[in-house]
Amino acid sequence: MTITIYNTLTREKEVFKPIEENKVRMYVCGPTVYNYIHIGNARPAIVFDTVRRYFEYKGFQVDYVLNFTDVDDKIINAANELGEAVPDVANRFIEAYLNDVEALGVKQATWNPRVTETMDDIITFIQSLIDKGYAYEVDGDVYFKPRSFADYGKLSHQSIDELRSGARIQVGEKKEDPLDFALWKKAKDGEIAWDSPWGQGRPGWHIECSAMAKKYLGETIDIHAGGQDLTFPHHENEIAQSESMNEKSFANYWMHNGYINIDNEKMSKSLGNFVLTKDIIAQHDPQVIRFFMLSVHYRHPINFTEELLQGAKNSLDRVKNAYSNLEHRKQASMNADKMASDWMETIAGLKQQFEEAMDDDFNTANAVAVLFDMTKEANRYLEQEHTSVHVIEAFQENMEALLDVLGIQLEQEEELLDADIEALLEERREARKNRNFTRADEIRDNLREKNIILEDTPQGTRWKRADNES
């Protein structure tokens, strides 16, 4: 089955046709590194990492670019407030970003270009736009003219007159038209700056992505992605710059993920519900956070609550417990099963359903539902008196592969031996005898997490594995 993508540009699902066979050129807008990222920034990191993983699962080579904006008004302001140099602030928060997304299971990008390392390319790009008549310089500032680009507004589906009605010229700007936007900003006294044909300054926000995408992926790329809030003006302006410069389509498919709400309210600093990723990671298993993010289709808004996060943890635990039960039963299984072919067909059918969900615009919500079905089937198989090593390994291999697409890793805990369990039971008996019920309950809970169920009887405490009595 072919992969279809909802293209923001056309507002339709389209069959994915790569520029180059078996290769995907993908650009994702990264953060402006002036602070720690919030969970709204974490969502596109997780979503588009999953898109990348699925392409790789299907056999594509993915050239994946995620940029860092490491010079910007916000970074300069933060540096001034902290009394630090701009590069020091940027470096610290780039490291923090990479630590956060690594914890969330995000693979390292093929390239992580920075604005400050791409300055020559940006300056060359701007000069070419001036030479072609799409941009102009005024007293050290350079502006792009959207009215010179006939298709301006095609991504956000707005007419240029509608856009102009909300545009304003700020104090100190010398634009010819309120819609014109900055490609280069003249440096203020004491600001970090670079030499250019128009004097010392630094790039505007939009030009950097056009220059970096071209440098690392070429004049036309397969997929450009980011948060829904970037559709206008950032991505609209990227299209105008790149297509004016290169005289060809910039990106064939545009993907945008939905917003995050906190307890049914849009996340914002003014509402006091602004949640940093590092704080959530400190409180919850990052794999649970990732699993929760993927439980909703990427284009839909997602509501972030403690209750829903706990639900995601319980769901992921069920999957992991099923895998552990398979591992335990495998040791006592036979090499053959007369019903093995039927179960193999069931597993293959579930794998196909998973792929169909992901082929349909990367519908992780439906893919997760299929994973739950596979978990149920695995547990149902283990209810049989006789099981086959081949079927168990097929369940495990497919669960591992599908979870890897979702960026979830199954970490195998070392299984407790019977002697270890008996030693813990003896410790628990002593704890109960000494009325140390806290420790007794702690041992019970720890054993339950390892699929060891305790039963206190008049004859003493008995134990059993979740799928096999002893």
Protein backbone atom coordinates (compact mmCIF):
# COMPACT_ATOMS: atom_id res chain seq x y z
CA MET A 1 0.00 0.00 0.00
CA THR A 2 1.21 3.51 -0.73
CA ILE A 3 1.72 6.22 1.88
CA THR A 4 -0.68 9.15 1.79
CA ILE A 5 0.00 12.54 3.41
CA TYR A 6 -2.41 15.35 4.20
CA ASN A 7 -0.79 18.28 2.39
CA THR A 8 -1.52 21.65 4.03
CA LEU A 9 -0.79 23.27 0.67
CA THR A 10 -3.65 21.52 -1.14
CA ARG A 11 -5.73 20.61 1.92
CA GLU A 12 -6.04 17.09 0.58
CA LYS A 13 -4.52 13.69 1.25
CA GLU A 14 -2.06 12.90 -1.51
CA VAL A 15 -0.07 9.80 -2.43
CA PHE A 16 3.55 10.35 -1.43
CA LYS A 17 5.85 10.38 -4.44
CA PRO A 18 9.47 11.11 -3.52
CA ILE A 19 11.70 13.25 -5.70
CA GLU A 20 14.27 10.48 -5.66
CA GLU A 21 13.26 6.82 -5.41
CA ASN A 22 13.54 5.35 -1.90
CA LYS A 23 14.77 8.64 -0.46
CA VAL A 24 13.02 11.34 1.58
CA ARG A 25 14.31 14.89 1.97
CA MET A 26 12.63 16.23 5.11
CA TYR A 27 13.04 19.61 6.83
CA VAL A 28 11.51 20.29 10.25
CA CYS A 29 11.59 23.74 11.84
CA GLY A 30 13.49 23.58 15.12
CA PRO A 31 13.42 25.83 18.18
CA THR A 32 14.60 29.37 18.82
CA VAL A 33 16.97 28.58 21.67
CA TYR A 34 16.42 31.28 24.27
CA ASN A 35 14.82 29.08 26.95
CA TYR A 36 13.86 25.50 27.77
CA ILE A 37 11.28 24.00 25.42
CA HIS A 38 7.66 23.47 26.49
CA ILE A 39 5.57 20.42 25.68
CA GLY A 40 4.14 22.21 22.66
CA ASN A 41 7.66 22.15 21.19
CA ALA A 42 8.03 18.50 22.16
CA ARG A 43 5.03 17.42 20.09
CA PRO A 44 6.48 18.14 16.62
CA ALA A 45 9.80 16.62 17.73
CA ILE A 46 7.98 13.37 18.58
CA VAL A 47 5.50 13.44 15.69
CA PHE A 48 7.96 14.02 12.88
CA ASP A 49 10.52 11.67 14.39
CA THR A 50 7.78 9.02 14.13
CA VAL A 51 7.12 9.98 10.51
CA ARG A 52 10.83 9.58 9.84
CA ARG A 53 10.93 6.23 11.63
CA TYR A 54 8.04 4.91 9.56
CA PHE A 55 9.67 5.94 6.30
CA GLU A 56 12.82 4.11 7.42
CA TYR A 57 10.74 1.08 8.45
CA LYS A 58 9.37 1.06 4.87
CA GLY A 59 12.89 1.08 3.44
CA PHE A 60 13.44 4.76 2.67
CA GLN A 61 16.64 6.65 3.35
CA VAL A 62 15.64 9.83 5.19
CA ASP A 63 17.78 12.95 5.07
CA TYR A 64 16.37 14.75 8.11
CA VAL A 65 17.18 18.38 8.89
CA LEU A 66 16.15 20.14 12.09
CA ASN A 67 17.59 23.62 12.48
CA PHE A 68 18.44 25.78 15.48
CA THR A 69 17.74 29.51 15.47
CA ASP A 70 20.70 30.60 17.58
CA VAL A 71 20.53 34.35 16.99
CA ASP A 72 17.27 36.27 17.30
CA ASP A 73 15.64 39.14 19.24
CA LYS A 74 14.46 36.73 21.94
CA ILE A 75 17.95 35.27 22.42
CA ILE A 76 19.53 38.73 22.51
CA ASN A 77 17.00 39.86 25.12
CA ALA A 78 17.60 36.73 27.20
CA ALA A 79 21.36 37.23 26.99
CA ASN A 80 21.00 40.84 28.17
CA GLU A 81 18.79 39.79 31.10
CA LEU A 82 21.21 37.04 32.12
CA GLY A 83 24.33 39.13 31.54
CA GLU A 84 25.73 36.49 29.19
CA ALA A 85 26.95 36.36 25.61
CA VAL A 86 24.43 35.32 22.96
CA PRO A 87 26.42 32.20 21.88
CA ASP A 88 26.61 31.02 25.50
CA VAL A 89 22.84 31.29 25.96
CA ALA A 90 22.18 29.56 22.64
CA ASN A 91 24.63 26.73 23.33
CA ARG A 92 23.14 26.04 26.74
CA PHE A 93 19.59 25.78 25.46
CA ILE A 94 20.59 23.75 22.39
CA GLU A 95 22.12 21.21 24.76
CA ALA A 96 18.99 21.30 26.92
CA TYR A 97 16.79 20.74 23.86
CA LEU A 98 18.85 17.78 22.69
CA ASN A 99 18.74 16.24 26.17
CA ASP A 100 14.96 16.63 26.34
CA VAL A 101 14.20 15.13 22.94
CA GLU A 102 16.72 12.32 23.40
CA ALA A 103 14.90 11.35 26.59
CA LEU A 104 11.68 11.32 24.54
CA GLY A 105 13.19 8.80 22.11
CA VAL A 106 13.84 11.23 19.26
CA LYS A 107 16.58 10.07 16.89
CA GLN A 108 19.45 12.40 16.07
CA ALA A 109 18.81 14.42 12.93
CA THR A 110 21.00 13.92 9.88
CA TRP A 111 21.92 17.59 10.23
CA ASN A 112 21.26 20.22 12.92
CA PRO A 113 22.37 23.43 11.16
CA ARG A 114 22.57 26.71 13.05
CA VAL A 115 21.92 30.18 11.74
CA THR A 116 25.31 31.42 12.92
CA GLU A 117 27.03 28.63 10.97
CA THR A 118 25.07 29.34 7.77
CA MET A 119 25.60 33.10 7.58
CA ASP A 120 27.44 33.16 4.22
CA ASP A 121 24.67 31.13 2.58
CA ILE A 122 21.99 33.41 4.04
CA ILE A 123 23.74 36.57 2.83
CA THR A 124 24.18 35.10 -0.66
CA PHE A 125 20.49 34.13 -0.73
CA ILE A 126 19.39 37.64 0.27
CA GLN A 127 21.63 39.30 -2.32
CA SER A 128 20.15 37.08 -5.04
CA LEU A 129 16.63 38.13 -4.03
CA ILE A 130 17.67 41.79 -4.29
CA ASP A 131 19.24 41.17 -7.69
CA LYS A 132 16.03 39.50 -8.92
CA GLY A 133 13.89 42.44 -7.75
CA TYR A 134 12.09 40.61 -4.93
CA ALA A 135 13.81 42.50 -2.13
CA TYR A 136 15.22 45.95 -1.37
CA GLU A 137 17.57 47.58 1.11
CA VAL A 138 16.77 50.64 3.25
CA ASP A 139 19.38 52.09 5.63
CA GLY A 140 20.96 48.72 6.39
CA ASP A 141 17.71 46.73 6.58
CA VAL A 142 16.61 44.42 3.76
CA TYR A 143 12.94 43.59 3.11
CA PHE A 144 11.17 41.06 0.91
CA LYS A 145 8.17 42.23 -1.17
CA PRO A 146 5.34 39.64 -0.95
CA ARG A 147 3.41 41.47 -3.67
CA SER A 148 6.22 40.61 -6.08
CA PHE A 149 5.47 36.89 -5.59
CA ALA A 150 2.24 36.00 -7.39
CA ASP A 151 1.39 32.95 -5.24
CA TYR A 152 1.78 34.65 -1.85
CA GLY A 153 -0.86 33.27 0.53
CA LYS A 154 -1.22 29.87 -1.13
CA LEU A 155 -0.21 27.88 1.96
CA SER A 156 -2.41 29.72 4.45
CA HIS A 157 -5.14 30.07 1.80
CA GLN A 158 -5.52 33.81 2.26
CA SER A 159 -5.59 36.54 -0.36
CA ILE A 160 -2.91 39.19 -0.25
CA ASP A 161 -5.50 41.88 0.43
CA GLU A 162 -6.83 39.94 3.43
CA LEU A 163 -3.29 39.61 4.73
CA ARG A 164 -2.54 43.28 4.19
CA SER A 165 -5.55 44.39 6.26
CA GLY A 166 -3.90 43.01 9.40
CA ALA A 167 -0.37 44.16 8.62
CA ARG A 168 1.21 47.19 10.29
CA ILE A 169 4.46 49.12 9.96
CA GLN A 170 6.22 49.19 13.33
CA VAL A 171 8.01 52.21 14.75
CA GLY A 172 11.46 52.52 13.17
CA GLU A 173 10.64 50.38 10.14
CA LYS A 174 11.00 51.90 6.67
CA LYS A 175 9.08 49.34 4.64
CA GLU A 176 7.42 50.22 1.36
CA ASP A 177 4.40 48.07 2.21
CA PRO A 178 3.07 46.81 5.58
CA LEU A 179 3.27 43.22 4.24
CA ASP A 180 7.02 43.44 3.53
CA PHE A 181 9.10 41.39 5.96
CA ALA A 182 12.71 41.56 7.07
CA LEU A 183 15.42 39.47 5.46
CA TRP A 184 18.25 41.35 7.18
CA LYS A 185 18.17 43.54 10.28
CA LYS A 186 20.59 46.37 10.84
CA ALA A 187 22.49 45.89 14.09
CA LYS A 188 21.71 48.10 17.06
CA ASP A 189 24.53 49.44 19.22
CA GLY A 190 26.19 46.67 21.18
CA GLU A 191 24.30 43.83 19.47
CA ILE A 192 25.95 40.75 18.04
CA ALA A 193 26.35 41.29 14.29
CA TRP A 194 27.88 40.04 11.05
CA ASP A 195 29.32 41.95 8.10
CA SER A 196 27.18 42.08 4.96
CA PRO A 197 26.89 44.12 1.75
CA TRP A 198 24.30 46.26 3.60
CA GLY A 199 26.38 46.84 6.72
CA GLN A 200 26.54 44.98 10.01
CA GLY A 201 23.46 43.09 11.07
CA ARG A 202 21.82 39.69 11.35
CA PRO A 203 19.18 37.68 9.45
CA GLY A 204 15.44 37.93 9.83
CA TRP A 205 13.71 34.83 11.09
CA HIS A 206 12.18 33.47 7.86
CA ILE A 207 15.21 33.59 5.54
CA GLU A 208 17.29 31.20 7.62
CA CYS A 209 15.14 28.13 6.90
CA SER A 210 15.04 28.83 3.16
CA ALA A 211 18.83 29.04 3.08
CA MET A 212 19.42 25.97 5.26
CA ALA A 213 16.90 23.80 3.42
CA LYS A 214 18.56 24.64 0.12
CA LYS A 215 22.07 24.04 1.46
CA TYR A 216 21.38 20.62 2.96
CA LEU A 217 18.48 19.22 0.91
CA GLY A 218 18.38 21.08 -2.40
CA GLU A 219 16.13 23.60 -4.13
CA THR A 220 13.04 21.36 -3.92
CA ILE A 221 12.46 19.08 -0.94
CA ASP A 222 9.95 16.32 -0.31
CA ILE A 223 8.49 17.31 3.07
CA HIS A 224 8.56 20.50 5.12
CA ALA A 225 7.06 20.14 8.59
CA GLY A 226 6.39 22.01 11.80
CA GLY A 227 3.76 23.15 14.25
CA GLN A 228 0.43 24.50 13.05
CA ASP A 229 1.37 27.97 14.34
CA LEU A 230 4.17 28.19 11.76
CA THR A 231 1.87 27.99 8.73
CA PHE A 232 1.61 31.77 8.62
CA PRO A 233 3.70 33.81 8.41
CA HIS A 234 6.83 31.65 8.75
CA HIS A 235 6.17 28.90 6.21
CA GLU A 236 4.27 31.21 3.88
CA ASN A 237 7.30 33.49 3.79
CA GLU A 238 9.68 30.59 3.27
CA ILE A 239 7.73 29.58 0.18
CA ALA A 240 7.82 33.13 -1.19
CA GLN A 241 11.57 33.48 -0.66
CA SER A 242 12.57 30.04 -1.92
CA GLU A 243 10.34 29.93 -4.98
CA SER A 244 11.27 33.48 -5.97
CA MET A 245 14.93 32.58 -5.64
CA ASN A 246 14.92 29.10 -7.21
CA GLU A 247 12.01 29.47 -9.65
CA LYS A 248 10.65 26.04 -8.72
CA SER A 249 8.50 24.47 -5.99
CA PHE A 250 10.06 24.65 -2.55
CA ALA A 251 8.40 21.64 -0.86
CA ASN A 252 6.06 19.06 -2.35
CA TYR A 253 4.30 18.20 0.93
CA TRP A 254 3.63 20.45 3.93
CA MET A 255 2.82 18.80 7.26
CA HIS A 256 1.64 20.59 10.41
CA ASN A 257 0.83 19.14 13.82
CA GLY A 258 -2.01 20.43 16.01
CA TYR A 259 -1.88 22.42 19.23
CA ILE A 260 -1.63 21.16 22.81
CA ASN A 261 -4.22 22.16 25.41
CA ILE A 262 -3.66 21.89 29.16
CA ASP A 263 -6.76 20.68 30.99
CA ASN A 264 -8.90 21.77 28.03
CA GLU A 265 -7.37 25.26 27.84
CA LYS A 266 -4.85 26.47 25.29
CA MET A 267 -1.38 26.51 26.81
CA SER A 268 -0.12 30.05 27.45
CA LYS A 269 2.03 31.93 29.92
CA SER A 270 -0.83 34.32 30.71
CA LEU A 271 -3.02 31.43 31.91
CA GLY A 272 -0.21 30.04 34.05
CA ASN A 273 -0.46 26.61 32.40
CA PHE A 274 2.86 26.76 30.59
CA VAL A 275 4.56 23.38 31.05
CA LEU A 276 8.26 22.83 30.34
CA THR A 277 9.28 19.52 28.83
CA LYS A 278 12.13 19.04 31.30
CA ASP A 279 9.72 19.32 34.23
CA ILE A 280 7.31 16.75 32.78
CA ILE A 281 10.20 14.39 32.06
CA ALA A 282 11.34 14.73 35.68
CA GLN A 283 7.87 13.68 36.88
CA HIS A 284 6.92 11.02 34.33
CA ASP A 285 8.54 8.26 32.28
CA PRO A 286 9.50 9.95 28.96
CA GLN A 287 8.32 6.87 27.07
CA VAL A 288 4.86 7.32 28.57
CA ILE A 289 4.87 10.97 27.45
CA ARG A 290 5.77 9.89 23.92
CA PHE A 291 3.15 7.13 23.91
CA PHE A 292 0.56 9.66 25.09
CA MET A 293 1.50 12.14 22.33
CA LEU A 294 1.06 9.43 19.69
CA SER A 295 -2.32 8.29 21.00
CA VAL A 296 -3.93 11.17 19.06
CA HIS A 297 -3.60 11.84 15.32
CA TYR A 298 -0.86 14.41 14.78
CA ARG A 299 -3.14 16.94 13.03
CA HIS A 300 -5.66 16.98 15.87
CA PRO A 301 -5.34 19.04 19.05
CA ILE A 302 -4.32 17.03 22.08
CA ASN A 303 -5.47 17.63 25.65
CA PHE A 304 -2.75 17.19 28.24
CA THR A 305 -3.94 16.16 31.71
CA GLU A 306 -2.49 14.07 34.53
CA GLU A 307 -5.41 11.65 34.20
CA LEU A 308 -4.82 11.07 30.49
CA LEU A 309 -1.10 10.68 31.10
CA GLN A 310 -1.81 8.06 33.75
CA GLY A 311 -4.09 6.31 31.28
CA ALA A 312 -1.26 6.22 28.76
CA LYS A 313 1.03 4.72 31.40
CA ASN A 314 -1.49 1.99 32.19
CA SER A 315 -1.91 1.21 28.49
CA LEU A 316 1.84 1.04 27.85
CA ASP A 317 2.28 -1.14 30.93
CA ARG A 318 -0.23 -3.62 29.49
CA VAL A 319 1.80 -3.87 26.31
CA LYS A 320 5.07 -4.30 28.20
CA ASN A 321 3.55 -6.87 30.56
CA ALA A 322 2.29 -8.91 27.62
CA TYR A 323 5.79 -8.88 26.13
CA SER A 324 7.28 -9.98 29.48
CA ASN A 325 4.73 -12.77 29.77
CA LEU A 326 5.71 -13.98 26.31
CA GLU A 327 9.36 -13.97 27.33
CA HIS A 328 8.65 -15.98 30.47
CA ARG A 329 6.49 -18.57 28.71
CA LYS A 330 9.04 -18.98 25.92
CA GLN A 331 11.35 -20.87 28.26
CA ALA A 332 8.75 -23.62 28.74
CA SER A 333 7.39 -23.72 25.19
CA MET A 334 7.71 -26.40 22.56
CA ASN A 335 9.24 -25.97 19.13
CA ALA A 336 6.07 -26.85 17.29
CA ASP A 337 2.33 -26.25 17.55
CA LYS A 338 -0.29 -27.71 15.25
CA MET A 339 -2.18 -24.40 15.44
CA ALA A 340 0.94 -22.27 14.84
CA SER A 341 0.02 -21.39 11.25
CA ASP A 342 -3.31 -19.89 12.35
CA TRP A 343 -1.58 -17.71 14.93
CA MET A 344 1.08 -16.69 12.42
CA GLU A 345 -1.70 -15.52 10.11
CA THR A 346 -3.24 -13.53 12.97
CA ILE A 347 0.07 -11.83 13.68
CA ALA A 348 0.67 -11.05 10.00
CA GLY A 349 -2.84 -9.61 9.73
CA LEU A 350 -2.27 -7.30 12.70
CA LYS A 351 1.04 -6.14 11.27
CA GLN A 352 -0.74 -5.31 8.01
CA GLN A 353 -3.40 -3.34 9.90
CA PHE A 354 -0.68 -1.35 11.68
CA GLU A 355 0.94 -0.48 8.36
CA GLU A 356 -2.40 0.49 6.84
CA ALA A 357 -2.96 2.90 9.72
CA MET A 358 0.47 4.46 9.31
CA ASP A 359 0.14 4.56 5.50
CA ASP A 360 -2.99 6.67 6.02
CA ASP A 361 -1.34 10.00 6.90
CA PHE A 362 0.65 8.45 9.77
CA ASN A 363 -2.42 7.72 11.88
CA THR A 364 -0.65 6.74 15.08
CA ALA A 365 -3.93 6.69 17.03
CA ASN A 366 -5.19 3.79 14.90
CA ALA A 367 -1.73 2.19 14.91
CA VAL A 368 -1.73 2.20 18.72
CA ALA A 369 -5.17 0.57 18.68
CA VAL A 370 -3.76 -2.23 16.51
CA LEU A 371 -0.90 -2.63 18.97
CA PHE A 372 -3.46 -3.14 21.75
CA ASP A 373 -5.16 -5.79 19.61
CA MET A 374 -1.83 -7.55 19.21
CA THR A 375 -1.35 -7.41 22.99
CA LYS A 376 -4.78 -8.99 23.53
CA GLU A 377 -4.03 -11.74 21.03
CA ALA A 378 -0.68 -12.43 22.69
CA ASN A 379 -2.37 -12.77 26.08
CA ARG A 380 -5.06 -15.00 24.55
CA TYR A 381 -2.37 -17.21 23.03
CA LEU A 382 -0.68 -17.58 26.41
CA GLU A 383 -3.92 -18.94 27.89
CA GLN A 384 -3.29 -22.14 25.90
CA GLU A 385 -1.86 -25.10 27.73
CA HIS A 386 0.77 -25.70 25.04
CA THR A 387 2.57 -22.90 23.25
CA SER A 388 5.13 -22.71 20.45
CA VAL A 389 8.45 -20.92 20.64
CA HIS A 390 7.99 -19.87 17.00
CA VAL A 391 4.65 -18.17 17.65
CA ILE A 392 5.92 -16.47 20.80
CA GLU A 393 8.98 -15.14 18.98
CA ALA A 394 6.76 -13.94 16.12
CA PHE A 395 4.63 -11.99 18.59
CA GLN A 396 7.73 -10.52 20.22
CA GLU A 397 9.50 -9.61 16.99
CA ASN A 398 6.44 -7.85 15.62
CA MET A 399 5.74 -6.02 18.88
CA GLU A 400 9.35 -4.83 18.95
CA ALA A 401 9.25 -3.66 15.32
CA LEU A 402 5.94 -1.81 15.63
CA LEU A 403 6.90 -0.20 18.92
CA ASP A 404 10.19 0.89 17.38
CA VAL A 405 8.23 2.73 14.66
CA LEU A 406 6.52 4.59 17.51
CA GLY A 407 9.88 5.22 19.19
CA ILE A 408 9.08 3.01 22.18
CA GLN A 409 11.78 0.64 23.35
CA LEU A 410 11.07 -2.53 25.31
CA GLU A 411 13.65 -2.70 28.05
CA GLN A 412 13.88 -6.21 29.33
CA GLU A 413 14.08 -6.45 33.11
CA GLU A 414 16.11 -9.31 34.50
CA GLU A 415 13.69 -12.04 35.47
CA LEU A 416 13.55 -13.00 39.14
CA LEU A 417 14.59 -16.56 39.85
CA ASP A 418 12.48 -18.70 42.16
CA ALA A 419 15.16 -18.48 44.88
CA ASP A 420 15.12 -14.67 44.66
CA ILE A 421 11.35 -14.64 45.07
CA GLU A 422 11.50 -16.96 48.08
CA ALA A 423 14.10 -14.70 49.69
CA LEU A 424 11.84 -11.67 49.20
CA LEU A 425 8.88 -13.61 50.61
CA GLU A 426 10.94 -14.45 53.70
CA GLU A 427 11.84 -10.76 54.08
CA ARG A 428 8.16 -9.87 53.72
CA ARG A 429 7.17 -12.45 56.38
CA GLU A 430 9.69 -10.90 58.77
CA ALA A 431 8.41 -7.40 57.95
CA ARG A 432 4.81 -8.43 58.69
CA LYS A 433 5.91 -10.18 61.89
CA ASN A 434 7.61 -6.95 63.01
CA ARG A 435 4.52 -4.95 61.93
CA ASN A 436 6.56 -3.16 59.26
CA PHE A 437 3.60 -3.14 56.89
CA THR A 438 5.08 -0.40 54.73
CA ARG A 439 8.00 -2.62 53.75
CA ALA A 440 5.69 -5.63 53.33
CA ASP A 441 3.48 -3.69 50.93
CA GLU A 442 6.54 -2.38 49.09
CA ILE A 443 7.77 -5.93 48.45
CA ARG A 444 4.30 -6.97 47.25
CA ASP A 445 4.16 -4.01 44.84
CA ASN A 446 7.68 -4.61 43.54
CA LEU A 447 6.89 -8.26 42.86
CA ARG A 448 3.62 -7.31 41.13
CA GLU A 449 5.56 -5.04 38.76
CA LYS A 450 7.61 -8.10 37.82
CA ASN A 451 4.45 -10.13 37.20
CA ILE A 452 4.67 -12.01 40.52
CA ILE A 453 1.28 -12.23 42.22
CA LEU A 454 1.13 -12.91 45.98
CA GLU A 455 -1.77 -14.58 47.78
CA ASP A 456 -1.89 -14.54 51.59
CA THR A 457 -3.62 -17.69 52.87
CA PRO A 458 -4.08 -19.28 56.37
CA GLN A 459 -1.32 -21.70 55.35
CA GLY A 460 1.07 -18.89 54.45
CA THR A 461 1.84 -16.75 51.42
CA ARG A 462 1.72 -18.38 48.02
CA TRP A 463 3.04 -16.83 44.82
CA LYS A 464 2.47 -17.28 41.12
CA ARG A 465 3.71 -15.70 37.95
CA ALA A 466 1.09 -13.71 36.11
CA ASP A 467 0.73 -16.44 33.48
CA ASN A 468 1.98 -19.54 35.33
CA GLU A 469 1.41 -20.80 38.86
CA SER A 470 4.21 -22.12 41.07
